[in-house]
Protein backbone atom coordinates (compact mmCIF):
# COMPACT_ATOMS: atom_id res chain seq x y z
CA MET A 1 42.05 -1.81 -53.97
CA ILE A 2 38.33 -2.37 -53.23
CA SER A 3 36.09 -2.11 -56.25
CA ARG A 4 32.80 -0.22 -56.27
CA ILE A 5 30.92 -3.51 -56.46
CA GLU A 6 32.75 -4.86 -53.40
CA LEU A 7 32.14 -1.61 -51.52
CA ALA A 8 28.44 -1.72 -52.35
CA SER A 9 28.26 -5.34 -51.20
CA CYS A 10 29.85 -4.40 -47.87
CA ARG A 11 27.34 -1.60 -47.39
CA ILE A 12 24.46 -3.97 -48.11
CA ALA A 13 25.86 -6.50 -45.63
CA LEU A 14 26.24 -3.82 -42.96
CA CYS A 15 22.69 -2.60 -43.53
CA ALA A 16 21.39 -6.15 -43.29
CA ALA A 17 23.27 -6.68 -40.04
CA ALA A 18 21.92 -3.42 -38.62
CA ILE A 19 18.37 -4.47 -39.45
CA ALA A 20 18.90 -7.92 -37.95
CA PHE A 21 20.07 -6.43 -34.65
CA SER A 22 17.50 -3.60 -34.51
CA PRO A 23 15.18 -3.58 -31.50
CA ALA A 24 12.20 -4.45 -33.70
CA ALA A 25 13.95 -7.46 -35.21
CA MET A 26 15.23 -8.61 -31.83
CA ALA A 27 11.71 -8.47 -30.42
CA GLN A 28 10.26 -10.34 -33.38
CA ASN A 29 12.60 -13.28 -32.76
CA TYR A 30 12.63 -12.95 -28.96
CA PRO A 31 13.01 -15.19 -27.05
CA ILE A 32 15.31 -17.68 -28.70
CA ARG A 33 16.64 -19.19 -25.45
CA PRO A 34 15.47 -19.60 -21.83
CA ILE A 35 14.89 -16.49 -19.72
CA THR A 36 16.16 -16.16 -16.15
CA LEU A 37 13.81 -14.57 -13.63
CA VAL A 38 15.84 -13.80 -10.52
CA VAL A 39 14.02 -13.84 -7.19
CA PRO A 40 16.18 -11.83 -4.76
CA TYR A 41 15.04 -13.88 -1.75
CA ALA A 42 15.17 -17.46 -0.56
CA ALA A 43 12.77 -20.02 -2.01
CA GLY A 44 9.39 -20.45 -0.37
CA GLY A 45 8.51 -16.84 0.50
CA GLY A 46 5.81 -14.65 -0.98
CA ASN A 47 8.10 -13.23 -3.69
CA ASP A 48 9.14 -16.72 -4.76
CA VAL A 49 5.54 -17.93 -4.91
CA MET A 50 4.45 -14.99 -7.09
CA ALA A 51 7.37 -15.50 -9.47
CA ARG A 52 6.65 -19.19 -9.96
CA ILE A 53 2.93 -18.68 -10.54
CA VAL A 54 3.40 -16.24 -13.43
CA ALA A 55 6.61 -17.77 -14.85
CA GLU A 56 4.87 -21.04 -15.63
CA LYS A 57 2.17 -19.31 -17.68
CA MET A 58 4.52 -16.83 -19.35
CA SER A 59 6.80 -19.67 -20.48
CA LYS A 60 3.95 -21.23 -22.45
CA THR A 61 3.04 -17.94 -24.09
CA LEU A 62 6.63 -17.03 -25.02
CA GLY A 63 7.63 -20.53 -26.12
CA GLN A 64 10.71 -20.60 -23.91
CA ASN A 65 11.28 -21.67 -20.32
CA ILE A 66 11.50 -19.00 -17.66
CA VAL A 67 13.97 -20.33 -15.11
CA ILE A 68 13.53 -19.12 -11.52
CA GLU A 69 16.83 -18.39 -9.79
CA ASN A 70 16.80 -17.57 -6.08
CA ARG A 71 19.64 -15.29 -4.97
CA ALA A 72 19.06 -14.19 -1.39
CA GLY A 73 21.16 -11.56 0.33
CA ALA A 74 20.94 -8.13 1.97
CA GLY A 75 17.15 -7.95 1.89
CA GLY A 76 17.02 -8.55 -1.84
CA SER A 77 19.46 -5.80 -2.76
CA VAL A 78 22.39 -8.01 -3.85
CA ALA A 79 20.55 -9.81 -6.65
CA THR A 80 18.59 -6.71 -7.65
CA ARG A 81 21.88 -4.81 -8.07
CA GLN A 82 23.30 -7.65 -10.17
CA VAL A 83 20.32 -7.60 -12.53
CA ALA A 84 20.55 -3.82 -12.87
CA ARG A 85 24.02 -4.39 -14.35
CA ALA A 86 23.03 -7.33 -16.57
CA ALA A 87 22.82 -7.15 -20.36
CA PRO A 88 19.58 -5.36 -21.37
CA ASP A 89 18.49 -8.08 -23.78
CA GLY A 90 15.40 -9.46 -22.07
CA TYR A 91 17.05 -12.67 -20.91
CA THR A 92 17.70 -11.59 -17.30
CA LEU A 93 14.79 -10.23 -15.28
CA VAL A 94 14.24 -9.72 -11.56
CA LEU A 95 11.18 -9.86 -9.37
CA GLY A 96 10.64 -6.37 -8.05
CA GLY A 97 9.02 -5.97 -4.67
CA THR A 98 8.28 -3.47 -1.94
CA GLY A 99 11.48 -4.39 -0.10
CA SER A 100 13.93 -4.28 -2.99
CA LEU A 101 12.54 -1.29 -4.91
CA ALA A 102 10.73 0.84 -2.31
CA VAL A 103 12.55 0.22 0.98
CA ASN A 104 16.16 -0.75 0.29
CA PRO A 105 17.24 2.44 -1.53
CA THR A 106 16.77 4.33 1.74
CA LEU A 107 17.47 1.52 4.19
CA TYR A 108 21.00 0.90 2.81
CA ASN A 109 23.60 3.63 2.68
CA ASN A 110 24.71 2.56 -0.79
CA VAL A 111 22.30 0.05 -2.27
CA GLY A 112 23.96 0.27 -5.68
CA TYR A 113 20.93 0.93 -7.87
CA ASP A 114 18.24 3.52 -8.51
CA PRO A 115 14.75 1.98 -8.70
CA ARG A 116 13.61 4.68 -11.12
CA LYS A 117 16.61 4.88 -13.45
CA ASP A 118 18.27 1.46 -13.50
CA PHE A 119 15.31 -0.69 -14.53
CA ALA A 120 12.78 -1.04 -17.32
CA PRO A 121 9.49 -1.96 -15.60
CA VAL A 122 7.72 -4.88 -17.28
CA GLY A 123 4.54 -4.92 -15.22
CA LEU A 124 2.89 -5.49 -11.90
CA ILE A 125 1.94 -8.98 -10.77
CA GLY A 126 -0.22 -8.16 -7.78
CA THR A 127 -0.46 -6.95 -4.22
CA GLY A 128 -0.58 -8.86 -0.97
CA GLN A 129 -1.70 -7.48 2.35
CA LEU A 130 -0.44 -8.53 5.77
CA ILE A 131 -2.34 -9.91 8.74
CA VAL A 132 -1.86 -8.74 12.32
CA LEU A 133 -1.26 -11.72 14.61
CA VAL A 134 -0.84 -11.84 18.38
CA ASN A 135 0.03 -14.62 20.79
CA PRO A 136 -3.19 -15.94 22.38
CA ALA A 137 -1.96 -14.82 25.81
CA VAL A 138 -2.14 -11.16 24.73
CA ALA A 139 -5.25 -9.59 26.25
CA ALA A 140 -6.45 -8.01 23.02
CA ARG A 141 -8.99 -9.34 20.55
CA THR A 142 -9.32 -6.24 18.40
CA ILE A 143 -7.05 -3.51 17.05
CA PRO A 144 -8.57 -0.87 19.40
CA GLU A 145 -7.87 -3.17 22.35
CA LEU A 146 -4.30 -3.75 21.16
CA ILE A 147 -3.71 0.00 20.85
CA ALA A 148 -5.17 0.60 24.31
CA LEU A 149 -2.95 -2.13 25.78
CA ALA A 150 0.15 -0.62 24.15
CA LYS A 151 -0.68 2.87 25.40
CA LYS A 152 -1.20 1.59 28.94
CA ASP A 153 2.39 0.34 29.15
CA PRO A 154 4.59 1.81 26.36
CA GLY A 155 7.29 -0.54 25.11
CA LYS A 156 6.06 -3.59 27.01
CA LEU A 157 4.52 -5.26 23.95
CA SER A 158 7.07 -6.60 21.47
CA TYR A 159 6.68 -7.33 17.79
CA ALA A 160 8.73 -9.64 15.63
CA SER A 161 9.83 -8.94 12.08
CA ALA A 162 11.45 -10.91 9.29
CA GLY A 163 14.40 -8.52 9.44
CA VAL A 164 15.18 -4.81 9.76
CA GLY A 165 13.57 -2.93 6.88
CA SER A 166 11.41 -5.79 5.68
CA GLY A 167 7.87 -4.99 4.60
CA ILE A 168 6.70 -6.79 7.73
CA HIS A 169 8.90 -4.56 9.91
CA LEU A 170 7.80 -1.33 8.26
CA GLY A 171 4.14 -2.34 8.36
CA ALA A 172 4.47 -2.49 12.14
CA VAL A 173 6.38 0.81 12.18
CA LEU A 174 3.57 2.47 10.24
CA PHE A 175 1.11 1.04 12.77
CA GLU A 176 3.15 2.51 15.65
CA LEU A 177 3.27 5.92 13.98
CA MET A 178 -0.41 6.12 13.10
CA ALA A 179 -1.62 4.68 16.43
CA ASP A 180 0.83 6.84 18.38
CA ILE A 181 2.11 3.90 20.43
CA LYS A 182 5.50 2.48 21.38
CA LEU A 183 6.31 -1.20 20.75
CA THR A 184 9.62 -3.07 21.09
CA HIS A 185 11.05 -4.43 17.85
CA VAL A 186 12.61 -7.91 17.82
CA PRO A 187 14.08 -8.67 14.36
CA TYR A 188 14.50 -12.25 13.10
CA ARG A 189 16.16 -13.74 10.06
CA GLY A 190 13.00 -14.69 8.24
CA THR A 191 9.36 -15.48 8.84
CA ALA A 192 9.73 -19.06 10.13
CA PRO A 193 11.73 -18.28 13.31
CA ALA A 194 9.61 -15.20 13.97
CA LEU A 195 6.38 -17.19 13.86
CA THR A 196 7.92 -19.94 16.02
CA ASP A 197 8.66 -17.41 18.75
CA LEU A 198 5.26 -15.76 18.36
CA ILE A 199 3.57 -19.12 18.92
CA GLY A 200 5.89 -19.78 21.87
CA GLY A 201 5.04 -16.45 23.49
CA HIS A 202 8.55 -14.98 23.24
CA VAL A 203 7.14 -12.04 21.25
CA HIS A 204 3.62 -10.63 21.30
CA ILE A 205 2.81 -9.36 17.79
CA TYR A 206 3.68 -10.20 14.19
CA PHE A 207 2.54 -8.60 10.93
CA SER A 208 2.61 -11.71 8.76
CA SER A 209 2.10 -12.43 5.09
CA ILE A 210 -1.25 -14.16 4.73
CA PRO A 211 0.02 -17.50 3.28
CA SER A 212 2.26 -18.01 6.32
CA ALA A 213 -0.60 -17.31 8.72
CA ILE A 214 -3.47 -19.36 7.33
CA GLY A 215 -2.69 -22.66 9.06
CA ILE A 216 -1.59 -21.38 12.46
CA ALA A 217 -4.44 -18.86 12.70
CA LYS A 218 -7.12 -21.41 11.88
CA GLU A 219 -5.57 -23.89 14.33
CA GLY A 220 -5.70 -21.30 17.10
CA LYS A 221 -1.94 -21.19 17.65
CA VAL A 222 -2.11 -17.42 17.16
CA ARG A 223 -4.95 -14.90 17.19
CA ALA A 224 -5.63 -12.87 14.06
CA LEU A 225 -6.87 -9.32 14.68
CA ALA A 226 -7.01 -7.56 11.32
CA VAL A 227 -5.60 -7.29 7.81
CA THR A 228 -3.56 -4.36 6.56
CA GLY A 229 -5.02 -3.68 3.12
CA PRO A 230 -7.66 -1.17 2.04
CA LYS A 231 -10.35 -3.86 2.05
CA ARG A 232 -11.03 -7.14 3.82
CA SER A 233 -9.31 -10.31 2.64
CA PRO A 234 -11.35 -13.10 1.02
CA VAL A 235 -9.12 -15.55 2.90
CA PHE A 236 -10.19 -14.04 6.25
CA PRO A 237 -13.50 -12.33 5.37
CA ASP A 238 -14.55 -11.86 8.99
CA LEU A 239 -11.45 -9.91 9.94
CA PRO A 240 -11.66 -6.11 9.83
CA THR A 241 -8.97 -3.95 8.26
CA VAL A 242 -6.62 -1.90 10.42
CA ALA A 243 -7.95 1.10 8.47
CA GLU A 244 -11.36 0.60 10.06
CA THR A 245 -9.68 1.75 13.28
CA LEU A 246 -6.91 3.93 11.80
CA PRO A 247 -8.34 5.59 8.65
CA GLY A 248 -5.80 5.69 5.83
CA PHE A 249 -3.66 2.86 7.16
CA GLU A 250 -2.37 0.61 4.37
CA ALA A 251 0.60 -1.76 4.44
CA VAL A 252 0.47 -3.77 1.25
CA LEU A 253 3.33 -5.59 -0.48
CA HIS A 254 3.65 -5.03 -4.23
CA TYR A 255 5.10 -7.60 -6.65
CA GLY A 256 6.21 -7.02 -10.24
CA ILE A 257 8.85 -7.79 -12.85
CA VAL A 258 11.58 -5.44 -14.04
CA ALA A 259 14.37 -5.72 -16.62
CA PRO A 260 17.67 -3.83 -16.79
CA ALA A 261 17.36 -0.26 -18.07
CA GLY A 262 17.92 -0.08 -21.82
CA THR A 263 16.00 -3.26 -22.63
CA PRO A 264 14.36 -2.57 -26.02
CA LYS A 265 10.75 -1.45 -25.67
CA PRO A 266 9.43 -4.09 -28.11
CA ILE A 267 10.89 -6.80 -25.86
CA VAL A 268 9.45 -5.18 -22.72
CA ASP A 269 6.07 -4.96 -24.43
CA LYS A 270 6.25 -8.64 -25.43
CA LEU A 271 7.04 -9.62 -21.83
CA ASN A 272 4.26 -7.38 -20.55
CA ALA A 273 1.72 -9.01 -22.89
CA ALA A 274 2.77 -12.48 -21.68
CA LEU A 275 2.51 -11.35 -18.04
CA ARG A 276 -0.95 -9.85 -18.55
CA GLU A 277 -2.11 -13.06 -20.24
CA ALA A 278 -0.78 -15.09 -17.31
CA LEU A 279 -2.63 -12.91 -14.80
CA ALA A 280 -5.89 -13.16 -16.75
CA ALA A 281 -5.95 -16.97 -16.56
CA PRO A 282 -8.65 -18.24 -14.15
CA ASP A 283 -6.32 -20.75 -12.45
CA THR A 284 -3.74 -18.00 -11.85
CA LYS A 285 -6.39 -15.89 -10.14
CA GLU A 286 -7.44 -18.88 -8.03
CA ARG A 287 -3.87 -19.67 -6.96
CA MET A 288 -3.15 -16.06 -6.05
CA ALA A 289 -6.45 -15.66 -4.20
CA ALA A 290 -5.67 -18.75 -2.12
CA ASP A 291 -2.48 -17.00 -1.00
CA GLY A 292 -4.30 -13.77 -0.21
CA THR A 293 -2.81 -11.94 -3.20
CA GLU A 294 -4.78 -9.78 -5.61
CA PRO A 295 -3.71 -9.89 -9.29
CA LEU A 296 -2.96 -6.40 -10.58
CA ALA A 297 -2.07 -6.31 -14.27
CA SER A 298 -0.52 -3.08 -15.52
CA THR A 299 1.31 -1.49 -18.41
CA PRO A 300 5.05 -0.81 -18.04
CA ASP A 301 4.31 2.90 -17.55
CA GLU A 302 1.75 2.14 -14.85
CA TYR A 303 4.27 -0.02 -13.03
CA ALA A 304 6.88 2.75 -13.29
CA ALA A 305 4.40 5.12 -11.62
CA ASP A 306 3.70 2.51 -8.93
CA ILE A 307 7.43 2.10 -8.19
CA ASP A 308 7.76 5.87 -7.82
CA LYS A 309 4.72 6.11 -5.52
CA GLU A 310 5.77 3.16 -3.33
CA GLU A 311 9.37 4.35 -2.96
CA THR A 312 8.17 7.82 -1.97
CA LYS A 313 5.83 6.36 0.68
CA TRP A 314 8.16 3.78 2.22
CA SER A 315 11.33 5.86 2.12
CA ALA A 316 9.58 8.41 4.32
CA ILE A 317 8.59 5.68 6.79
CA VAL A 318 12.15 4.29 6.84
CA LYS A 319 13.47 7.76 7.65
CA LYS A 320 10.90 8.30 10.41
CA SER A 321 11.70 4.91 11.93
CA GLY A 322 15.44 5.54 11.89
CA ALA A 323 15.93 1.98 10.57
CA LYS A 324 19.25 1.17 8.93
CA ALA A 325 20.43 -2.10 7.46
CA GLU A 326 22.79 -4.00 9.71
C-alpha cells in the first residue's frame, strides 16, 4: 500500500516532469542538438542558396549546427509533405517557397499537405524576381517588341520552363495572360538544360532566376529584356520591369522557413529571432543582393499572411493555365 508520503513524492515528480517538458522549458533549452533544414529541391538552385546563406548565421546564434538536407522530388512536394508529418519539436524545418507552398497545392491533385494548416511559419527570408531572356536571334529588344512579335504570329514563339508548375513556368503564364498573347510551352527538367537550349536557339524565351542569368546575359549568349519584380534589380539596373509595359505585372519568388504545425510558439519565436538576426547582418545582405534577392524579414504571423496571399494568387493562375503535374 502506498503511503501518503510516497504519493506526495510521486505527485511532485510528475509536476517536475510536466514543467520540464512544458513549451516554455523546451524553448529555454532549445536547441540541444543539430537542426535539419530540408530544402525540397536539388542542391545549387535558388532555394538551396537561400537556405545555406541563413543557416550559417542562424547556427552561430542558436549554438547548434543547422544541417541542410536536399530532398528533391515532385516539384518540392515530397519533402514538404514529409516535414509536415515530422515531430513538431523544432528539429526538422523545411524551406518554404512559391512552388511548394503557393503552387503545388493546386498543381497536384493530392499534394498531401495544406500550406495554411500543416505548418507553423517561422519567417520570410526574402524575395527574388525573375529576368526575361530571349535568344539573340529573336527580333525583339524590348517587352513591347516581344509582345508585338508574339501577336503577329500566335504560338510561333516558344518559352522554356524548369518544369510544369514551376515559378518560372507560371511567371511566363502570367505574362501570356496579361499581354493577351499565345506562346508555346516547352518544359525541361531544371534550369540548366532549359538555358542550354535557349542559348542554342531551340527555344526563344526563358523567365530565369537572376543568379542563373548573370553570366550568360553579360557574355551576350542571351539577351535580357526586363525583370519581373515591382522595381528594377540592382544587378541589372538598366533593365526595365515588365510592369512598366504591363502595369500590375509581378512574378516574384518568395523564400521562407516553416516548421510542422504544433511546434511550440516559444521555439518558433526563438527560430524567428535567429533568422531576423541573420538577415540583418551586412554580409548576408551583400550575398543576397549579389544573387538578385531582397532580404525580407518578418514575424511568423506576417509570413502566415504572405503564404495565404501567395497561394491565393498563384492557385488562380494555375487554374487559368490548366497546368497539372505530370
